[in-house]
N, C-alpha and C. Protein backbone atom coordinates (compact mmCIF):
# COMPACT_ATOMS: atom_id res chain seq x y z
N UNK A 1 0.84 -1.19 0.00
CA UNK A 1 0.00 0.00 0.00
C UNK A 1 0.88 1.24 0.00
N UNK A 2 0.53 2.18 -0.86
CA UNK A 2 1.35 3.38 -0.99
C UNK A 2 0.97 4.40 0.08
N UNK A 3 1.89 5.29 0.36
CA UNK A 3 1.64 6.36 1.31
C UNK A 3 1.25 7.61 0.52
N UNK A 4 0.13 8.17 0.88
CA UNK A 4 -0.32 9.39 0.19
C UNK A 4 0.49 10.58 0.65
N UNK A 5 0.75 11.52 -0.25
CA UNK A 5 1.43 12.75 0.16
C UNK A 5 0.52 13.55 1.09
N UNK A 6 1.12 14.29 2.00
CA UNK A 6 0.31 15.10 2.93
C UNK A 6 -0.38 16.25 2.21
N UNK A 7 0.22 16.72 1.12
CA UNK A 7 -0.36 17.80 0.32
C UNK A 7 -0.39 17.33 -1.14
N UNK A 8 -1.41 16.55 -1.51
CA UNK A 8 -1.46 15.99 -2.86
C UNK A 8 -1.44 17.06 -3.95
N UNK A 9 -0.76 16.72 -5.02
CA UNK A 9 -0.64 17.65 -6.14
C UNK A 9 -0.79 16.86 -7.44
N UNK A 10 -1.52 17.43 -8.36
CA UNK A 10 -1.67 16.82 -9.68
C UNK A 10 -0.32 16.84 -10.38
N UNK A 11 0.04 15.72 -10.97
CA UNK A 11 1.31 15.62 -11.68
C UNK A 11 1.37 16.64 -12.82
N UNK A 12 2.56 17.14 -13.09
CA UNK A 12 2.76 18.10 -14.19
C UNK A 12 2.45 17.47 -15.55
N UNK A 13 2.46 16.16 -15.62
CA UNK A 13 2.19 15.47 -16.89
C UNK A 13 0.72 15.49 -17.27
N UNK A 14 -0.14 15.92 -16.34
CA UNK A 14 -1.58 15.93 -16.58
C UNK A 14 -2.14 17.34 -16.44
N UNK A 15 -3.18 17.61 -17.22
CA UNK A 15 -3.87 18.88 -17.11
C UNK A 15 -5.35 18.59 -16.90
N UNK A 16 -5.90 19.15 -15.85
CA UNK A 16 -7.32 18.99 -15.53
C UNK A 16 -8.08 20.13 -16.19
N UNK A 17 -9.08 19.78 -16.98
CA UNK A 17 -9.89 20.83 -17.60
C UNK A 17 -11.27 20.30 -17.93
N UNK A 18 -12.22 21.24 -18.02
CA UNK A 18 -13.57 20.87 -18.41
C UNK A 18 -13.59 20.78 -19.93
N UNK A 19 -14.04 19.66 -20.43
CA UNK A 19 -14.08 19.41 -21.87
C UNK A 19 -15.53 19.55 -22.33
N UNK A 20 -15.82 20.64 -23.00
CA UNK A 20 -17.18 20.91 -23.45
C UNK A 20 -17.72 19.78 -24.32
N UNK A 21 -16.90 19.26 -25.22
CA UNK A 21 -17.36 18.18 -26.12
C UNK A 21 -17.74 16.92 -25.34
N UNK A 22 -17.08 16.69 -24.21
CA UNK A 22 -17.37 15.51 -23.39
C UNK A 22 -18.41 15.82 -22.31
N UNK A 23 -18.71 17.10 -22.13
CA UNK A 23 -19.57 17.62 -21.04
C UNK A 23 -19.16 17.06 -19.68
N UNK A 24 -17.85 17.04 -19.47
CA UNK A 24 -17.32 16.57 -18.19
C UNK A 24 -15.87 17.01 -18.03
N UNK A 25 -15.37 16.88 -16.80
CA UNK A 25 -13.98 17.15 -16.51
C UNK A 25 -13.13 15.99 -17.00
N UNK A 26 -11.96 16.31 -17.50
CA UNK A 26 -11.04 15.29 -17.99
C UNK A 26 -9.62 15.61 -17.52
N UNK A 27 -8.80 14.58 -17.50
CA UNK A 27 -7.36 14.74 -17.32
C UNK A 27 -6.74 14.52 -18.68
N UNK A 28 -6.05 15.53 -19.17
CA UNK A 28 -5.37 15.42 -20.45
C UNK A 28 -3.90 15.12 -20.22
N UNK A 29 -3.35 14.27 -21.08
CA UNK A 29 -1.92 13.96 -21.05
C UNK A 29 -1.49 13.69 -22.48
N UNK A 30 -0.19 13.69 -22.76
CA UNK A 30 0.27 13.59 -24.15
C UNK A 30 -0.30 12.40 -24.93
N UNK A 31 -0.54 11.28 -24.26
CA UNK A 31 -1.01 10.09 -24.97
C UNK A 31 -2.52 9.97 -25.02
N UNK A 32 -3.24 10.86 -24.35
CA UNK A 32 -4.68 10.72 -24.37
C UNK A 32 -5.42 11.54 -23.33
N UNK A 33 -6.55 10.96 -22.89
CA UNK A 33 -7.45 11.68 -22.00
C UNK A 33 -8.14 10.67 -21.08
N UNK A 34 -8.36 11.09 -19.83
CA UNK A 34 -9.11 10.30 -18.86
C UNK A 34 -10.37 11.09 -18.53
N UNK A 35 -11.54 10.51 -18.77
CA UNK A 35 -12.79 11.15 -18.39
C UNK A 35 -13.04 10.90 -16.91
N UNK A 36 -13.44 11.93 -16.20
CA UNK A 36 -13.65 11.84 -14.76
C UNK A 36 -15.13 11.97 -14.42
N UNK A 37 -15.54 11.26 -13.38
CA UNK A 37 -16.89 11.51 -12.87
C UNK A 37 -16.83 12.77 -12.03
N UNK A 38 -17.98 13.27 -11.64
CA UNK A 38 -18.05 14.54 -10.92
C UNK A 38 -17.28 14.50 -9.60
N UNK A 39 -17.40 13.41 -8.86
CA UNK A 39 -16.71 13.30 -7.57
C UNK A 39 -15.20 13.35 -7.74
N UNK A 40 -14.69 12.59 -8.70
CA UNK A 40 -13.24 12.57 -8.93
C UNK A 40 -12.75 13.96 -9.34
N UNK A 41 -13.51 14.63 -10.18
CA UNK A 41 -13.11 15.98 -10.61
C UNK A 41 -13.05 16.93 -9.43
N UNK A 42 -14.04 16.88 -8.54
CA UNK A 42 -14.05 17.77 -7.38
C UNK A 42 -12.85 17.52 -6.47
N UNK A 43 -12.47 16.27 -6.32
CA UNK A 43 -11.31 15.95 -5.50
C UNK A 43 -10.03 16.45 -6.18
N UNK A 44 -9.87 16.12 -7.45
CA UNK A 44 -8.62 16.48 -8.15
C UNK A 44 -8.46 17.98 -8.34
N UNK A 45 -9.56 18.72 -8.43
CA UNK A 45 -9.48 20.19 -8.53
C UNK A 45 -8.77 20.78 -7.31
N UNK A 46 -8.86 20.10 -6.20
CA UNK A 46 -8.30 20.61 -4.95
C UNK A 46 -6.88 20.11 -4.69
N UNK A 47 -6.36 19.27 -5.56
CA UNK A 47 -5.00 18.74 -5.39
C UNK A 47 -4.00 19.71 -6.00
N UNK A 48 -3.68 20.74 -5.24
CA UNK A 48 -2.83 21.82 -5.73
C UNK A 48 -1.46 21.86 -5.05
N UNK A 49 -1.19 20.91 -4.16
CA UNK A 49 0.08 20.91 -3.45
C UNK A 49 0.11 21.86 -2.27
N UNK A 50 -0.94 22.66 -2.11
CA UNK A 50 -1.04 23.60 -1.00
C UNK A 50 -1.98 23.04 0.07
N UNK A 51 -3.13 22.55 -0.38
CA UNK A 51 -4.11 21.99 0.55
C UNK A 51 -3.63 20.63 1.06
N UNK A 52 -3.83 20.42 2.35
CA UNK A 52 -3.52 19.11 2.92
C UNK A 52 -4.68 18.16 2.60
N UNK A 53 -4.41 16.87 2.76
CA UNK A 53 -5.46 15.88 2.58
C UNK A 53 -6.64 16.19 3.49
N UNK A 54 -6.35 16.53 4.74
CA UNK A 54 -7.41 16.84 5.69
C UNK A 54 -8.21 18.07 5.26
N UNK A 55 -7.53 19.07 4.71
CA UNK A 55 -8.21 20.29 4.24
C UNK A 55 -9.10 19.97 3.03
N UNK A 56 -8.62 19.11 2.15
CA UNK A 56 -9.42 18.72 0.99
C UNK A 56 -10.69 18.04 1.44
N UNK A 57 -10.56 17.10 2.37
CA UNK A 57 -11.73 16.38 2.88
C UNK A 57 -12.69 17.35 3.55
N UNK A 58 -12.18 18.24 4.40
CA UNK A 58 -13.04 19.19 5.11
C UNK A 58 -13.76 20.11 4.12
N UNK A 59 -13.06 20.56 3.10
CA UNK A 59 -13.66 21.45 2.11
C UNK A 59 -14.77 20.73 1.34
N UNK A 60 -14.52 19.49 0.96
CA UNK A 60 -15.53 18.72 0.25
C UNK A 60 -16.74 18.41 1.13
N UNK A 61 -16.49 18.07 2.38
CA UNK A 61 -17.59 17.79 3.30
C UNK A 61 -18.47 19.02 3.49
N UNK A 62 -17.84 20.18 3.58
CA UNK A 62 -18.61 21.41 3.73
C UNK A 62 -19.35 21.76 2.44
N UNK A 63 -18.67 21.67 1.31
CA UNK A 63 -19.27 22.06 0.03
C UNK A 63 -20.47 21.18 -0.34
N UNK A 64 -20.40 19.90 0.01
CA UNK A 64 -21.43 18.96 -0.41
C UNK A 64 -22.28 18.43 0.75
N UNK A 65 -22.15 19.09 1.90
CA UNK A 65 -22.96 18.72 3.07
C UNK A 65 -22.90 17.22 3.31
N UNK A 66 -21.68 16.70 3.35
CA UNK A 66 -21.44 15.26 3.55
C UNK A 66 -20.51 15.07 4.72
N UNK A 67 -20.56 13.91 5.32
CA UNK A 67 -19.66 13.57 6.42
C UNK A 67 -19.05 12.20 6.15
N UNK A 68 -17.86 11.99 6.69
CA UNK A 68 -17.23 10.68 6.61
C UNK A 68 -16.76 10.26 5.24
N UNK A 69 -16.35 11.23 4.41
CA UNK A 69 -15.94 10.88 3.04
C UNK A 69 -14.44 10.65 2.89
N UNK A 70 -13.69 10.79 3.98
CA UNK A 70 -12.23 10.63 3.87
C UNK A 70 -11.82 9.31 3.23
N UNK A 71 -12.44 8.16 3.57
CA UNK A 71 -12.03 6.91 2.93
C UNK A 71 -12.19 6.94 1.40
N UNK A 72 -13.25 7.55 0.91
CA UNK A 72 -13.45 7.64 -0.54
C UNK A 72 -12.44 8.57 -1.19
N UNK A 73 -12.14 9.68 -0.52
CA UNK A 73 -11.13 10.61 -1.05
C UNK A 73 -9.77 9.92 -1.09
N UNK A 74 -9.41 9.25 -0.02
CA UNK A 74 -8.13 8.55 0.01
C UNK A 74 -8.07 7.46 -1.06
N UNK A 75 -9.16 6.74 -1.27
CA UNK A 75 -9.19 5.68 -2.29
C UNK A 75 -8.94 6.26 -3.68
N UNK A 76 -9.58 7.40 -3.98
CA UNK A 76 -9.36 8.01 -5.29
C UNK A 76 -7.91 8.49 -5.41
N UNK A 77 -7.38 9.10 -4.36
CA UNK A 77 -6.01 9.60 -4.43
C UNK A 77 -5.00 8.45 -4.53
N UNK A 78 -5.27 7.35 -3.86
CA UNK A 78 -4.39 6.18 -3.99
C UNK A 78 -4.41 5.65 -5.42
N UNK A 79 -5.59 5.57 -6.01
CA UNK A 79 -5.69 5.12 -7.40
C UNK A 79 -5.00 6.13 -8.32
N UNK A 80 -5.20 7.41 -8.05
CA UNK A 80 -4.54 8.44 -8.85
C UNK A 80 -3.03 8.38 -8.73
N UNK A 81 -2.55 8.09 -7.54
CA UNK A 81 -1.11 7.96 -7.34
C UNK A 81 -0.58 6.74 -8.10
N UNK A 82 -1.33 5.65 -8.05
CA UNK A 82 -0.97 4.43 -8.78
C UNK A 82 -0.90 4.70 -10.28
N UNK A 83 -1.82 5.50 -10.78
CA UNK A 83 -1.87 5.81 -12.22
C UNK A 83 -0.95 6.96 -12.63
N UNK A 84 -0.27 7.57 -11.65
CA UNK A 84 0.66 8.65 -11.96
C UNK A 84 0.03 10.02 -12.02
N UNK A 85 -1.23 10.15 -11.62
CA UNK A 85 -1.89 11.46 -11.66
C UNK A 85 -1.44 12.34 -10.53
N UNK A 86 -1.10 11.75 -9.40
CA UNK A 86 -0.79 12.49 -8.17
C UNK A 86 0.69 12.37 -7.82
N UNK A 87 1.30 13.49 -7.51
CA UNK A 87 2.69 13.51 -7.02
C UNK A 87 2.68 13.67 -5.51
């Protein structure tokens, strides 16, 4: 199991942007594109290397009136780290 960074940051190899043609957020990279669901996009938008994991979770819980989402956020970030999206 990998250790998540305390301040997750999107890798420089990827660019997060809203793709009008796809009507969704995507991660662009030189070899292609990853379509994201809304939850993943909201998490990755906050991975700026400044916010801590705890701050990201707190911000999402407040924005979406949800509690106890840290396990889901960590799961996405672990998968993102495995795929090279997160530094």
